Amino acid sequence: MPHATELLMRQFVTHDVQRLVLSRPEGLDWQPGQGVELAIDREGWRDEARPFTPTCLTADRVVEFTIKRYPEAQDSVTEALHALDPGAALLLGDPFGTITYQGPGTFIAAGTGVTPFLAILRQLARDDKLGQHRLLLSNKSERDVICAEELSHYLGDELVLTFTREHQPEEQGRRIDADFLEAHLGDRDGYCYVCGPDAFVTDVKEALSSLGVPSDRLVYER
């Protein structure tokens, strides 16, 4: 059964990503990295639920989502969420997902695929357990990086950013592929957490396998 909630506030995080803060329904619990389905509680929208990852701490008294707006032709739901006013009624589903923290390792993400890892890293920071973690993050350009300063504060030199469309004239945009992973993966005995578009996840899993990372060390949405 959906959990009724309401929008408390929203603010921009990047040029096309907003932070939405909702009241927390009683009885809603999740593990960092898991997702829930979010729908606008309004005629014509209740059946248009979309999966998003809570990016707040699990102990918080609110629920926070970090949501990118896509052009209306791709997904009008994100357009509508970005336009909501405080007090708007929303519905949350029960938590789901296989991306949960298993132990130290490397987080590998593209674009908004960083949101499950943002939730996990915030929890690790709260628990003072950020050591032995690295984040490899791909975006189109620097302005697309979600919570860049916060991630840099958490990880320092263990935050490795790469941009597919923003680069020096004599260079090519760099994607996270087998060569990139071989250069930046670090400790291969740790877990590898992967999140992003389906094609990205498939390619990264294959690349990690070719580098000798055991399948039981891969954490992704199954």
N, C-alpha and C. Protein backbone atom coordinates (compact mmCIF):
# COMPACT_ATOMS: atom_id res chain seq x y z
N MET A 1 0.85 -1.20 0.00
CA MET A 1 0.00 0.00 0.00
C MET A 1 0.89 1.25 0.00
N PRO A 2 0.60 2.25 -0.86
CA PRO A 2 1.43 3.45 -0.91
C PRO A 2 1.41 4.23 0.41
N HIS A 3 2.52 4.90 0.67
CA HIS A 3 2.63 5.76 1.85
C HIS A 3 2.36 7.20 1.43
N ALA A 4 1.40 7.85 2.05
CA ALA A 4 1.08 9.24 1.73
C ALA A 4 2.11 10.18 2.36
N THR A 5 2.51 11.18 1.60
CA THR A 5 3.49 12.16 2.08
C THR A 5 3.23 13.48 1.37
N GLU A 6 4.02 14.50 1.70
CA GLU A 6 3.89 15.79 1.02
C GLU A 6 5.25 16.43 0.85
N LEU A 7 5.33 17.28 -0.15
CA LEU A 7 6.57 17.99 -0.43
C LEU A 7 6.75 19.13 0.57
N LEU A 8 7.90 19.16 1.23
CA LEU A 8 8.21 20.24 2.17
C LEU A 8 8.99 21.36 1.50
N MET A 9 9.94 21.00 0.63
CA MET A 9 10.75 22.01 -0.06
C MET A 9 11.46 21.36 -1.23
N ARG A 10 11.93 22.19 -2.14
CA ARG A 10 12.77 21.73 -3.23
C ARG A 10 13.77 22.82 -3.58
N GLN A 11 14.95 22.42 -4.02
CA GLN A 11 15.97 23.39 -4.42
C GLN A 11 16.90 22.75 -5.45
N PHE A 12 17.48 23.58 -6.30
CA PHE A 12 18.38 23.08 -7.34
C PHE A 12 19.71 22.66 -6.74
N VAL A 13 20.23 21.52 -7.25
CA VAL A 13 21.55 21.02 -6.89
C VAL A 13 22.51 21.25 -8.05
N THR A 14 22.04 21.02 -9.28
CA THR A 14 22.75 21.40 -10.49
C THR A 14 21.73 22.10 -11.38
N HIS A 15 22.14 22.41 -12.61
CA HIS A 15 21.24 23.13 -13.52
C HIS A 15 19.98 22.35 -13.85
N ASP A 16 20.00 21.01 -13.74
CA ASP A 16 18.81 20.23 -14.08
C ASP A 16 18.50 19.14 -13.05
N VAL A 17 19.05 19.28 -11.86
CA VAL A 17 18.80 18.33 -10.77
C VAL A 17 18.29 19.10 -9.56
N GLN A 18 17.21 18.61 -8.96
CA GLN A 18 16.68 19.24 -7.76
C GLN A 18 16.67 18.27 -6.58
N ARG A 19 16.82 18.84 -5.42
CA ARG A 19 16.67 18.12 -4.15
C ARG A 19 15.25 18.34 -3.67
N LEU A 20 14.50 17.24 -3.52
CA LEU A 20 13.13 17.31 -3.02
C LEU A 20 13.09 16.71 -1.62
N VAL A 21 12.58 17.46 -0.67
CA VAL A 21 12.48 16.99 0.72
C VAL A 21 11.01 16.77 1.05
N LEU A 22 10.69 15.57 1.49
CA LEU A 22 9.30 15.17 1.78
C LEU A 22 9.15 14.83 3.25
N SER A 23 7.94 14.94 3.76
CA SER A 23 7.67 14.43 5.10
C SER A 23 7.85 12.91 5.08
N ARG A 24 8.26 12.36 6.21
CA ARG A 24 8.52 10.92 6.26
C ARG A 24 7.32 10.17 6.80
N PRO A 25 6.74 9.30 5.99
CA PRO A 25 5.59 8.53 6.46
C PRO A 25 5.98 7.57 7.58
N GLU A 26 5.11 7.38 8.51
CA GLU A 26 5.37 6.43 9.59
C GLU A 26 5.47 5.02 9.01
N GLY A 27 6.46 4.28 9.45
CA GLY A 27 6.63 2.90 9.02
C GLY A 27 7.45 2.72 7.75
N LEU A 28 7.92 3.81 7.13
CA LEU A 28 8.74 3.69 5.92
C LEU A 28 10.21 3.61 6.32
N ASP A 29 10.84 2.48 6.05
CA ASP A 29 12.26 2.28 6.35
C ASP A 29 12.93 1.66 5.13
N TRP A 30 14.23 1.89 4.98
CA TRP A 30 14.97 1.37 3.85
C TRP A 30 16.44 1.29 4.23
N GLN A 31 17.21 0.62 3.40
CA GLN A 31 18.66 0.58 3.56
C GLN A 31 19.29 1.57 2.59
N PRO A 32 20.39 2.23 2.96
CA PRO A 32 21.04 3.15 2.03
C PRO A 32 21.36 2.45 0.71
N GLY A 33 20.96 3.09 -0.39
CA GLY A 33 21.17 2.52 -1.72
C GLY A 33 19.92 1.95 -2.33
N GLN A 34 18.93 1.61 -1.51
CA GLN A 34 17.68 1.08 -2.04
C GLN A 34 16.83 2.20 -2.64
N GLY A 35 15.87 1.80 -3.47
CA GLY A 35 14.97 2.77 -4.09
C GLY A 35 13.55 2.58 -3.62
N VAL A 36 12.71 3.56 -3.94
CA VAL A 36 11.27 3.47 -3.73
C VAL A 36 10.60 4.10 -4.94
N GLU A 37 9.36 3.73 -5.18
CA GLU A 37 8.62 4.36 -6.27
C GLU A 37 7.92 5.61 -5.73
N LEU A 38 8.00 6.69 -6.50
CA LEU A 38 7.44 7.98 -6.12
C LEU A 38 6.41 8.40 -7.16
N ALA A 39 5.23 8.80 -6.69
CA ALA A 39 4.17 9.25 -7.60
C ALA A 39 3.52 10.51 -7.05
N ILE A 40 3.03 11.34 -7.95
CA ILE A 40 2.27 12.53 -7.55
C ILE A 40 0.84 12.10 -7.26
N ASP A 41 0.34 12.46 -6.09
CA ASP A 41 -1.01 12.05 -5.68
C ASP A 41 -2.03 13.02 -6.25
N ARG A 42 -2.25 12.86 -7.56
CA ARG A 42 -3.14 13.77 -8.28
C ARG A 42 -3.76 13.00 -9.44
N GLU A 43 -4.95 13.32 -9.80
CA GLU A 43 -5.65 12.65 -10.90
C GLU A 43 -4.78 12.67 -12.16
N GLY A 44 -4.62 11.51 -12.76
CA GLY A 44 -3.83 11.40 -13.97
C GLY A 44 -2.36 11.12 -13.72
N TRP A 45 -1.90 11.21 -12.45
CA TRP A 45 -0.49 11.01 -12.13
C TRP A 45 -0.24 9.83 -11.19
N ARG A 46 -1.28 9.36 -10.51
CA ARG A 46 -1.06 8.32 -9.48
C ARG A 46 -0.49 7.03 -10.06
N ASP A 47 -0.80 6.74 -11.31
CA ASP A 47 -0.30 5.52 -11.94
C ASP A 47 1.02 5.74 -12.66
N GLU A 48 1.60 6.92 -12.50
CA GLU A 48 2.86 7.26 -13.18
C GLU A 48 4.01 7.29 -12.18
N ALA A 49 4.11 6.25 -11.37
CA ALA A 49 5.19 6.19 -10.37
C ALA A 49 6.53 5.93 -11.06
N ARG A 50 7.59 6.49 -10.48
CA ARG A 50 8.95 6.28 -11.00
C ARG A 50 9.87 5.91 -9.83
N PRO A 51 10.89 5.08 -10.10
CA PRO A 51 11.81 4.70 -9.02
C PRO A 51 12.89 5.76 -8.79
N PHE A 52 13.08 6.11 -7.53
CA PHE A 52 14.14 7.03 -7.13
C PHE A 52 14.77 6.52 -5.84
N THR A 53 15.98 6.96 -5.59
CA THR A 53 16.70 6.54 -4.38
C THR A 53 16.65 7.63 -3.32
N PRO A 54 16.18 7.33 -2.12
CA PRO A 54 16.33 8.30 -1.03
C PRO A 54 17.81 8.60 -0.80
N THR A 55 18.16 9.87 -0.75
CA THR A 55 19.57 10.25 -0.58
C THR A 55 19.86 10.80 0.80
N CYS A 56 18.88 10.75 1.68
CA CYS A 56 19.08 11.21 3.05
C CYS A 56 19.60 10.06 3.91
N LEU A 57 19.92 10.38 5.15
CA LEU A 57 20.27 9.34 6.12
C LEU A 57 19.01 8.58 6.52
N THR A 58 19.16 7.32 6.81
CA THR A 58 17.99 6.52 7.17
C THR A 58 17.38 6.95 8.50
N ALA A 59 18.16 7.66 9.31
CA ALA A 59 17.66 8.12 10.61
C ALA A 59 16.97 9.48 10.52
N ASP A 60 17.03 10.14 9.38
CA ASP A 60 16.43 11.46 9.24
C ASP A 60 14.91 11.39 9.40
N ARG A 61 14.33 12.49 9.81
CA ARG A 61 12.88 12.55 10.01
C ARG A 61 12.16 13.00 8.75
N VAL A 62 12.91 13.18 7.67
CA VAL A 62 12.34 13.51 6.36
C VAL A 62 12.88 12.51 5.34
N VAL A 63 12.34 12.56 4.14
CA VAL A 63 12.85 11.74 3.04
C VAL A 63 13.31 12.70 1.94
N GLU A 64 14.55 12.53 1.51
CA GLU A 64 15.11 13.39 0.47
C GLU A 64 15.36 12.59 -0.79
N PHE A 65 15.02 13.19 -1.93
CA PHE A 65 15.35 12.62 -3.23
C PHE A 65 16.15 13.64 -4.02
N THR A 66 17.05 13.16 -4.85
CA THR A 66 17.85 14.02 -5.72
C THR A 66 17.51 13.61 -7.15
N ILE A 67 16.71 14.44 -7.83
CA ILE A 67 16.03 14.03 -9.06
C ILE A 67 16.43 14.93 -10.23
N LYS A 68 16.84 14.28 -11.31
CA LYS A 68 17.16 15.01 -12.53
C LYS A 68 15.92 15.20 -13.38
N ARG A 69 15.80 16.37 -13.96
CA ARG A 69 14.69 16.66 -14.87
C ARG A 69 15.09 16.27 -16.29
N TYR A 70 14.26 15.43 -16.89
CA TYR A 70 14.48 15.03 -18.28
C TYR A 70 13.48 15.77 -19.16
N PRO A 71 13.84 16.01 -20.42
CA PRO A 71 12.91 16.69 -21.33
C PRO A 71 11.57 15.97 -21.34
N GLU A 72 10.50 16.74 -21.49
CA GLU A 72 9.15 16.19 -21.37
C GLU A 72 8.92 15.02 -22.32
N ALA A 73 9.55 15.05 -23.48
CA ALA A 73 9.36 13.95 -24.43
C ALA A 73 9.86 12.63 -23.87
N GLN A 74 10.84 12.69 -22.95
CA GLN A 74 11.39 11.47 -22.37
C GLN A 74 10.61 11.05 -21.12
N ASP A 75 10.31 11.99 -20.25
CA ASP A 75 9.62 11.63 -19.01
C ASP A 75 8.99 12.87 -18.40
N SER A 76 7.69 13.04 -18.61
CA SER A 76 7.00 14.22 -18.09
C SER A 76 6.89 14.19 -16.57
N VAL A 77 7.09 13.01 -15.95
CA VAL A 77 7.00 12.92 -14.49
C VAL A 77 8.08 13.77 -13.83
N THR A 78 9.31 13.70 -14.33
CA THR A 78 10.37 14.49 -13.72
C THR A 78 10.12 15.98 -13.93
N GLU A 79 9.57 16.35 -15.07
CA GLU A 79 9.20 17.75 -15.31
C GLU A 79 8.17 18.19 -14.26
N ALA A 80 7.17 17.33 -14.02
CA ALA A 80 6.11 17.67 -13.07
C ALA A 80 6.64 17.74 -11.65
N LEU A 81 7.52 16.82 -11.28
CA LEU A 81 8.10 16.85 -9.93
C LEU A 81 8.90 18.13 -9.70
N HIS A 82 9.62 18.57 -10.72
CA HIS A 82 10.43 19.78 -10.59
C HIS A 82 9.57 21.04 -10.47
N ALA A 83 8.31 20.94 -10.84
CA ALA A 83 7.43 22.11 -10.83
C ALA A 83 6.49 22.14 -9.62
N LEU A 84 6.56 21.14 -8.75
CA LEU A 84 5.63 21.07 -7.62
C LEU A 84 5.89 22.18 -6.61
N ASP A 85 4.83 22.61 -5.95
CA ASP A 85 4.94 23.58 -4.87
C ASP A 85 4.93 22.86 -3.53
N PRO A 86 5.56 23.44 -2.50
CA PRO A 86 5.48 22.84 -1.17
C PRO A 86 4.03 22.59 -0.77
N GLY A 87 3.80 21.45 -0.14
CA GLY A 87 2.46 21.04 0.24
C GLY A 87 1.83 20.07 -0.74
N ALA A 88 2.46 19.87 -1.91
CA ALA A 88 1.92 18.94 -2.89
C ALA A 88 1.89 17.53 -2.32
N ALA A 89 0.81 16.81 -2.59
CA ALA A 89 0.64 15.45 -2.08
C ALA A 89 1.37 14.46 -2.99
N LEU A 90 2.07 13.50 -2.35
CA LEU A 90 2.85 12.50 -3.07
C LEU A 90 2.60 11.14 -2.45
N LEU A 91 3.00 10.10 -3.18
CA LEU A 91 2.86 8.73 -2.72
C LEU A 91 4.20 8.02 -2.85
N LEU A 92 4.57 7.27 -1.83
CA LEU A 92 5.81 6.50 -1.84
C LEU A 92 5.50 5.02 -1.72
N GLY A 93 6.19 4.21 -2.52
CA GLY A 93 6.05 2.76 -2.43
C GLY A 93 7.02 2.20 -1.39
N ASP A 94 6.98 0.89 -1.22
CA ASP A 94 7.89 0.22 -0.30
C ASP A 94 9.27 0.10 -0.93
N PRO A 95 10.32 0.03 -0.10
CA PRO A 95 11.69 -0.03 -0.62
C PRO A 95 11.96 -1.32 -1.38
N PHE A 96 12.87 -1.23 -2.35
CA PHE A 96 13.27 -2.38 -3.14
C PHE A 96 14.72 -2.18 -3.58
N GLY A 97 15.32 -3.22 -4.10
CA GLY A 97 16.63 -3.06 -4.73
C GLY A 97 17.72 -3.87 -4.08
N THR A 98 18.74 -4.17 -4.89
CA THR A 98 19.86 -4.99 -4.44
C THR A 98 21.14 -4.19 -4.24
N ILE A 99 21.09 -2.88 -4.45
CA ILE A 99 22.27 -2.05 -4.17
C ILE A 99 22.23 -1.65 -2.70
N THR A 100 22.99 -2.37 -1.89
CA THR A 100 23.15 -2.05 -0.48
C THR A 100 24.62 -2.23 -0.13
N TYR A 101 25.03 -1.65 0.96
CA TYR A 101 26.45 -1.68 1.33
C TYR A 101 26.86 -3.06 1.81
N GLN A 102 27.95 -3.57 1.23
CA GLN A 102 28.47 -4.89 1.58
C GLN A 102 29.84 -4.83 2.25
N GLY A 103 30.58 -3.74 2.00
CA GLY A 103 31.91 -3.60 2.56
C GLY A 103 32.74 -2.64 1.73
N PRO A 104 33.97 -2.31 2.16
CA PRO A 104 34.81 -1.35 1.44
C PRO A 104 35.05 -1.75 -0.01
N GLY A 105 35.20 -0.74 -0.86
CA GLY A 105 35.46 -1.00 -2.26
C GLY A 105 35.33 0.25 -3.11
N THR A 106 35.01 0.05 -4.36
CA THR A 106 34.95 1.13 -5.35
C THR A 106 33.53 1.29 -5.87
N PHE A 107 33.04 2.51 -5.84
CA PHE A 107 31.73 2.85 -6.41
C PHE A 107 31.97 3.37 -7.83
N ILE A 108 31.22 2.84 -8.78
CA ILE A 108 31.40 3.21 -10.19
C ILE A 108 30.05 3.65 -10.73
N ALA A 109 29.95 4.90 -11.16
CA ALA A 109 28.64 5.44 -11.52
C ALA A 109 28.72 6.35 -12.74
N ALA A 110 27.58 6.47 -13.41
CA ALA A 110 27.42 7.43 -14.50
C ALA A 110 26.19 8.28 -14.20
N GLY A 111 26.35 9.60 -14.27
CA GLY A 111 25.23 10.52 -14.10
C GLY A 111 24.50 10.34 -12.79
N THR A 112 23.16 10.23 -12.87
CA THR A 112 22.36 10.09 -11.66
C THR A 112 22.52 8.73 -11.01
N GLY A 113 23.28 7.84 -11.64
CA GLY A 113 23.61 6.58 -10.99
C GLY A 113 24.40 6.76 -9.71
N VAL A 114 24.86 7.98 -9.46
CA VAL A 114 25.59 8.25 -8.23
C VAL A 114 24.66 8.35 -7.02
N THR A 115 23.34 8.51 -7.22
CA THR A 115 22.46 8.77 -6.08
C THR A 115 22.42 7.64 -5.05
N PRO A 116 22.39 6.35 -5.45
CA PRO A 116 22.46 5.32 -4.41
C PRO A 116 23.76 5.39 -3.61
N PHE A 117 24.84 5.76 -4.30
CA PHE A 117 26.13 5.83 -3.63
C PHE A 117 26.24 7.07 -2.75
N LEU A 118 25.55 8.13 -3.14
CA LEU A 118 25.50 9.32 -2.29
C LEU A 118 24.85 8.97 -0.95
N ALA A 119 23.77 8.18 -1.00
CA ALA A 119 23.11 7.76 0.23
C ALA A 119 24.04 6.91 1.09
N ILE A 120 24.76 5.98 0.45
CA ILE A 120 25.67 5.09 1.18
C ILE A 120 26.83 5.88 1.76
N LEU A 121 27.42 6.78 0.98
CA LEU A 121 28.56 7.57 1.46
C LEU A 121 28.17 8.49 2.61
N ARG A 122 26.98 9.05 2.55
CA ARG A 122 26.53 9.90 3.67
C ARG A 122 26.41 9.07 4.95
N GLN A 123 25.92 7.84 4.81
CA GLN A 123 25.82 6.97 5.98
C GLN A 123 27.20 6.58 6.49
N LEU A 124 28.13 6.27 5.58
CA LEU A 124 29.50 5.95 5.99
C LEU A 124 30.16 7.13 6.68
N ALA A 125 29.91 8.34 6.17
CA ALA A 125 30.47 9.54 6.81
C ALA A 125 29.92 9.70 8.22
N ARG A 126 28.63 9.49 8.37
CA ARG A 126 28.01 9.60 9.70
C ARG A 126 28.60 8.57 10.67
N ASP A 127 28.91 7.38 10.14
CA ASP A 127 29.45 6.31 10.97
C ASP A 127 30.97 6.35 11.08
N ASP A 128 31.59 7.39 10.47
CA ASP A 128 33.05 7.55 10.47
C ASP A 128 33.75 6.33 9.88
N LYS A 129 33.25 5.87 8.71
CA LYS A 129 33.80 4.68 8.06
C LYS A 129 34.08 4.93 6.58
N LEU A 130 34.56 6.13 6.25
CA LEU A 130 34.78 6.47 4.84
C LEU A 130 36.07 5.90 4.28
N GLY A 131 36.98 5.44 5.12
CA GLY A 131 38.25 4.91 4.63
C GLY A 131 38.06 3.71 3.73
N GLN A 132 39.02 3.50 2.82
CA GLN A 132 39.03 2.34 1.91
C GLN A 132 37.89 2.36 0.89
N HIS A 133 37.47 3.56 0.52
CA HIS A 133 36.43 3.69 -0.49
C HIS A 133 36.88 4.66 -1.58
N ARG A 134 36.47 4.38 -2.80
CA ARG A 134 36.79 5.23 -3.94
C ARG A 134 35.54 5.35 -4.81
N LEU A 135 35.39 6.50 -5.46
CA LEU A 135 34.28 6.72 -6.38
C LEU A 135 34.81 7.12 -7.75
N LEU A 136 34.45 6.34 -8.77
CA LEU A 136 34.72 6.68 -10.16
C LEU A 136 33.41 7.14 -10.77
N LEU A 137 33.37 8.40 -11.22
CA LEU A 137 32.10 8.99 -11.63
C LEU A 137 32.22 9.65 -12.99
N SER A 138 31.35 9.23 -13.91
CA SER A 138 31.32 9.78 -15.26
C SER A 138 30.12 10.71 -15.43
N ASN A 139 30.36 11.87 -16.04
CA ASN A 139 29.30 12.81 -16.39
C ASN A 139 29.61 13.42 -17.75
N LYS A 140 28.62 14.09 -18.32
CA LYS A 140 28.87 14.77 -19.58
C LYS A 140 29.86 15.91 -19.39
N SER A 141 29.67 16.70 -18.32
CA SER A 141 30.53 17.85 -18.08
C SER A 141 30.61 18.12 -16.58
N GLU A 142 31.48 19.02 -16.19
CA GLU A 142 31.68 19.31 -14.78
C GLU A 142 30.42 19.85 -14.11
N ARG A 143 29.64 20.62 -14.84
CA ARG A 143 28.44 21.22 -14.23
C ARG A 143 27.35 20.20 -13.97
N ASP A 144 27.50 18.98 -14.51
CA ASP A 144 26.51 17.93 -14.31
C ASP A 144 26.77 17.09 -13.06
N VAL A 145 27.90 17.30 -12.39
CA VAL A 145 28.24 16.47 -11.23
C VAL A 145 27.33 16.82 -10.06
N ILE A 146 26.64 15.85 -9.53
CA ILE A 146 25.73 16.04 -8.41
C ILE A 146 26.51 16.07 -7.10
N CYS A 147 26.32 17.12 -6.31
CA CYS A 147 26.94 17.25 -4.98
C CYS A 147 28.45 17.09 -5.06
N ALA A 148 29.08 17.75 -6.03
CA ALA A 148 30.51 17.61 -6.26
C ALA A 148 31.34 17.98 -5.04
N GLU A 149 31.02 19.10 -4.40
CA GLU A 149 31.81 19.53 -3.24
C GLU A 149 31.68 18.56 -2.08
N GLU A 150 30.48 18.06 -1.87
CA GLU A 150 30.27 17.11 -0.79
C GLU A 150 31.04 15.82 -1.04
N LEU A 151 31.00 15.32 -2.25
CA LEU A 151 31.73 14.10 -2.59
C LEU A 151 33.24 14.30 -2.45
N SER A 152 33.71 15.46 -2.87
CA SER A 152 35.13 15.77 -2.73
C SER A 152 35.53 15.84 -1.26
N HIS A 153 34.67 16.41 -0.44
CA HIS A 153 34.93 16.48 1.00
C HIS A 153 35.03 15.08 1.61
N TYR A 154 34.14 14.21 1.20
CA TYR A 154 34.15 12.84 1.73
C TYR A 154 35.38 12.05 1.30
N LEU A 155 35.73 12.16 0.00
CA LEU A 155 36.67 11.22 -0.60
C LEU A 155 38.03 11.80 -0.96
N GLY A 156 38.12 13.11 -1.09
CA GLY A 156 39.41 13.71 -1.45
C GLY A 156 39.93 13.16 -2.77
N ASP A 157 41.16 12.68 -2.77
CA ASP A 157 41.77 12.15 -3.98
C ASP A 157 41.14 10.84 -4.44
N GLU A 158 40.31 10.24 -3.60
CA GLU A 158 39.66 8.99 -3.98
C GLU A 158 38.38 9.23 -4.80
N LEU A 159 38.10 10.49 -5.10
CA LEU A 159 37.04 10.84 -6.04
C LEU A 159 37.69 11.07 -7.40
N VAL A 160 37.34 10.23 -8.37
CA VAL A 160 37.91 10.33 -9.71
C VAL A 160 36.78 10.67 -10.68
N LEU A 161 36.84 11.87 -11.24
CA LEU A 161 35.80 12.34 -12.17
C LEU A 161 36.30 12.24 -13.61
N THR A 162 35.39 11.89 -14.50
CA THR A 162 35.72 11.89 -15.92
C THR A 162 34.52 12.44 -16.68
N PHE A 163 34.79 13.13 -17.77
CA PHE A 163 33.74 13.82 -18.52
C PHE A 163 33.76 13.37 -19.98
N THR A 164 32.59 13.03 -20.49
CA THR A 164 32.51 12.50 -21.84
C THR A 164 32.43 13.58 -22.92
N ARG A 165 32.00 14.78 -22.54
CA ARG A 165 31.83 15.84 -23.55
C ARG A 165 32.63 17.10 -23.26
N GLU A 166 33.27 17.15 -22.11
CA GLU A 166 34.02 18.36 -21.74
C GLU A 166 35.48 17.97 -21.60
N HIS A 167 36.32 18.51 -22.48
CA HIS A 167 37.73 18.14 -22.45
C HIS A 167 38.54 19.17 -23.25
N GLN A 168 39.83 19.09 -23.13
CA GLN A 168 40.71 19.98 -23.88
C GLN A 168 40.63 19.65 -25.37
N PRO A 169 40.84 20.66 -26.24
CA PRO A 169 40.70 20.42 -27.69
C PRO A 169 41.54 19.25 -28.20
N GLU A 170 42.71 19.05 -27.61
CA GLU A 170 43.59 17.99 -28.10
C GLU A 170 43.28 16.63 -27.46
N GLU A 171 42.30 16.60 -26.57
CA GLU A 171 41.96 15.36 -25.88
C GLU A 171 40.59 14.85 -26.33
N GLN A 172 40.33 13.59 -25.99
CA GLN A 172 39.02 13.01 -26.23
C GLN A 172 38.26 12.88 -24.92
N GLY A 173 36.91 12.95 -25.02
CA GLY A 173 36.13 12.68 -23.83
C GLY A 173 36.40 11.27 -23.34
N ARG A 174 36.51 11.11 -22.04
CA ARG A 174 36.92 9.81 -21.48
C ARG A 174 35.75 9.13 -20.80
N ARG A 175 35.45 7.92 -21.22
CA ARG A 175 34.41 7.12 -20.62
C ARG A 175 35.02 6.10 -19.66
N ILE A 176 34.20 5.57 -18.78
CA ILE A 176 34.65 4.53 -17.88
C ILE A 176 34.57 3.20 -18.63
N ASP A 177 35.73 2.76 -19.14
CA ASP A 177 35.81 1.50 -19.87
C ASP A 177 36.87 0.63 -19.20
N ALA A 178 37.25 -0.47 -19.85
CA ALA A 178 38.21 -1.40 -19.25
C ALA A 178 39.54 -0.72 -18.97
N ASP A 179 40.03 0.12 -19.90
CA ASP A 179 41.31 0.80 -19.70
C ASP A 179 41.23 1.77 -18.52
N PHE A 180 40.12 2.50 -18.44
CA PHE A 180 39.94 3.45 -17.34
C PHE A 180 39.90 2.71 -16.01
N LEU A 181 39.16 1.60 -15.98
CA LEU A 181 39.05 0.82 -14.74
C LEU A 181 40.39 0.23 -14.35
N GLU A 182 41.14 -0.25 -15.30
CA GLU A 182 42.45 -0.82 -14.99
C GLU A 182 43.37 0.22 -14.35
N ALA A 183 43.23 1.47 -14.81
CA ALA A 183 44.08 2.53 -14.28
C ALA A 183 43.62 3.06 -12.93
N HIS A 184 42.31 2.97 -12.63
CA HIS A 184 41.78 3.66 -11.46
C HIS A 184 41.06 2.78 -10.45
N LEU A 185 40.98 1.49 -10.71
CA LEU A 185 40.17 0.64 -9.84
C LEU A 185 40.71 0.53 -8.43
N GLY A 186 42.02 0.50 -8.27
CA GLY A 186 42.59 0.39 -6.92
C GLY A 186 42.53 -1.05 -6.42
N ASP A 187 42.19 -1.23 -5.16
CA ASP A 187 42.16 -2.54 -4.53
C ASP A 187 41.08 -3.42 -5.16
N ARG A 188 41.49 -4.48 -5.83
CA ARG A 188 40.53 -5.34 -6.53
C ARG A 188 39.96 -6.42 -5.61
N ASP A 189 40.39 -6.41 -4.37
CA ASP A 189 39.82 -7.37 -3.42
C ASP A 189 38.54 -6.84 -2.79
N GLY A 190 38.28 -5.55 -2.97
CA GLY A 190 37.08 -4.96 -2.39
C GLY A 190 35.88 -5.18 -3.28
N TYR A 191 34.75 -4.66 -2.84
CA TYR A 191 33.52 -4.74 -3.62
C TYR A 191 33.52 -3.67 -4.71
N CYS A 192 32.85 -3.96 -5.81
CA CYS A 192 32.63 -2.98 -6.87
C CYS A 192 31.13 -2.74 -6.99
N TYR A 193 30.73 -1.51 -6.71
CA TYR A 193 29.33 -1.11 -6.77
C TYR A 193 29.11 -0.36 -8.07
N VAL A 194 28.12 -0.77 -8.86
CA VAL A 194 27.94 -0.19 -10.19
C VAL A 194 26.50 0.30 -10.34
N CYS A 195 26.34 1.54 -10.84
CA CYS A 195 25.00 2.06 -11.08
C CYS A 195 25.05 3.11 -12.19
N GLY A 196 24.03 3.07 -13.04
CA GLY A 196 23.93 4.01 -14.15
C GLY A 196 22.96 3.45 -15.17
N PRO A 197 22.96 3.99 -16.39
CA PRO A 197 22.12 3.43 -17.44
C PRO A 197 22.42 1.96 -17.66
N ASP A 198 21.42 1.22 -18.16
CA ASP A 198 21.58 -0.23 -18.32
C ASP A 198 22.82 -0.60 -19.14
N ALA A 199 23.04 0.09 -20.24
CA ALA A 199 24.18 -0.23 -21.10
C ALA A 199 25.50 0.02 -20.36
N PHE A 200 25.55 1.08 -19.55
CA PHE A 200 26.73 1.38 -18.76
C PHE A 200 27.02 0.26 -17.78
N VAL A 201 25.98 -0.18 -17.06
CA VAL A 201 26.15 -1.25 -16.07
C VAL A 201 26.64 -2.52 -16.73
N THR A 202 26.05 -2.88 -17.86
CA THR A 202 26.47 -4.09 -18.58
C THR A 202 27.93 -4.00 -19.01
N ASP A 203 28.32 -2.87 -19.59
CA ASP A 203 29.70 -2.70 -20.06
C ASP A 203 30.69 -2.73 -18.90
N VAL A 204 30.36 -2.07 -17.80
CA VAL A 204 31.27 -2.03 -16.66
C VAL A 204 31.40 -3.41 -16.02
N LYS A 205 30.31 -4.13 -15.90
CA LYS A 205 30.38 -5.49 -15.35
C LYS A 205 31.28 -6.37 -16.20
N GLU A 206 31.14 -6.29 -17.53
CA GLU A 206 31.98 -7.09 -18.41
C GLU A 206 33.45 -6.69 -18.28
N ALA A 207 33.69 -5.39 -18.18
CA ALA A 207 35.07 -4.92 -18.04
C ALA A 207 35.68 -5.38 -16.71
N LEU A 208 34.91 -5.31 -15.64
CA LEU A 208 35.41 -5.75 -14.34
C LEU A 208 35.71 -7.24 -14.35
N SER A 209 34.86 -8.00 -15.01
CA SER A 209 35.09 -9.44 -15.11
C SER A 209 36.38 -9.72 -15.87
N SER A 210 36.62 -8.96 -16.94
CA SER A 210 37.84 -9.15 -17.71
C SER A 210 39.09 -8.79 -16.92
N LEU A 211 38.91 -7.96 -15.90
CA LEU A 211 40.03 -7.56 -15.03
C LEU A 211 40.18 -8.48 -13.83
N GLY A 212 39.37 -9.52 -13.78
CA GLY A 212 39.53 -10.52 -12.73
C GLY A 212 38.73 -10.28 -11.47
N VAL A 213 37.78 -9.33 -11.51
CA VAL A 213 36.95 -9.09 -10.33
C VAL A 213 35.90 -10.20 -10.24
N PRO A 214 35.84 -10.94 -9.12
CA PRO A 214 34.87 -12.04 -9.00
C PRO A 214 33.43 -11.53 -9.02
N SER A 215 32.54 -12.33 -9.58
CA SER A 215 31.14 -11.93 -9.69
C SER A 215 30.50 -11.69 -8.34
N ASP A 216 30.97 -12.39 -7.30
CA ASP A 216 30.37 -12.20 -5.97
C ASP A 216 30.83 -10.92 -5.30
N ARG A 217 31.71 -10.17 -5.99
CA ARG A 217 32.14 -8.86 -5.48
C ARG A 217 31.47 -7.72 -6.24
N LEU A 218 30.55 -8.04 -7.14
CA LEU A 218 29.84 -7.02 -7.90
C LEU A 218 28.48 -6.75 -7.26
N VAL A 219 28.20 -5.48 -7.00
CA VAL A 219 26.92 -5.08 -6.42
C VAL A 219 26.26 -4.13 -7.40
N TYR A 220 25.08 -4.50 -7.90
CA TYR A 220 24.36 -3.68 -8.87
C TYR A 220 22.88 -4.04 -8.78
N GLU A 221 22.04 -3.29 -9.47
CA GLU A 221 20.61 -3.54 -9.45
C GLU A 221 20.30 -4.72 -10.35
N ARG A 222 19.80 -5.78 -9.76
CA ARG A 222 19.54 -7.01 -10.52
C ARG A 222 18.10 -7.05 -10.99
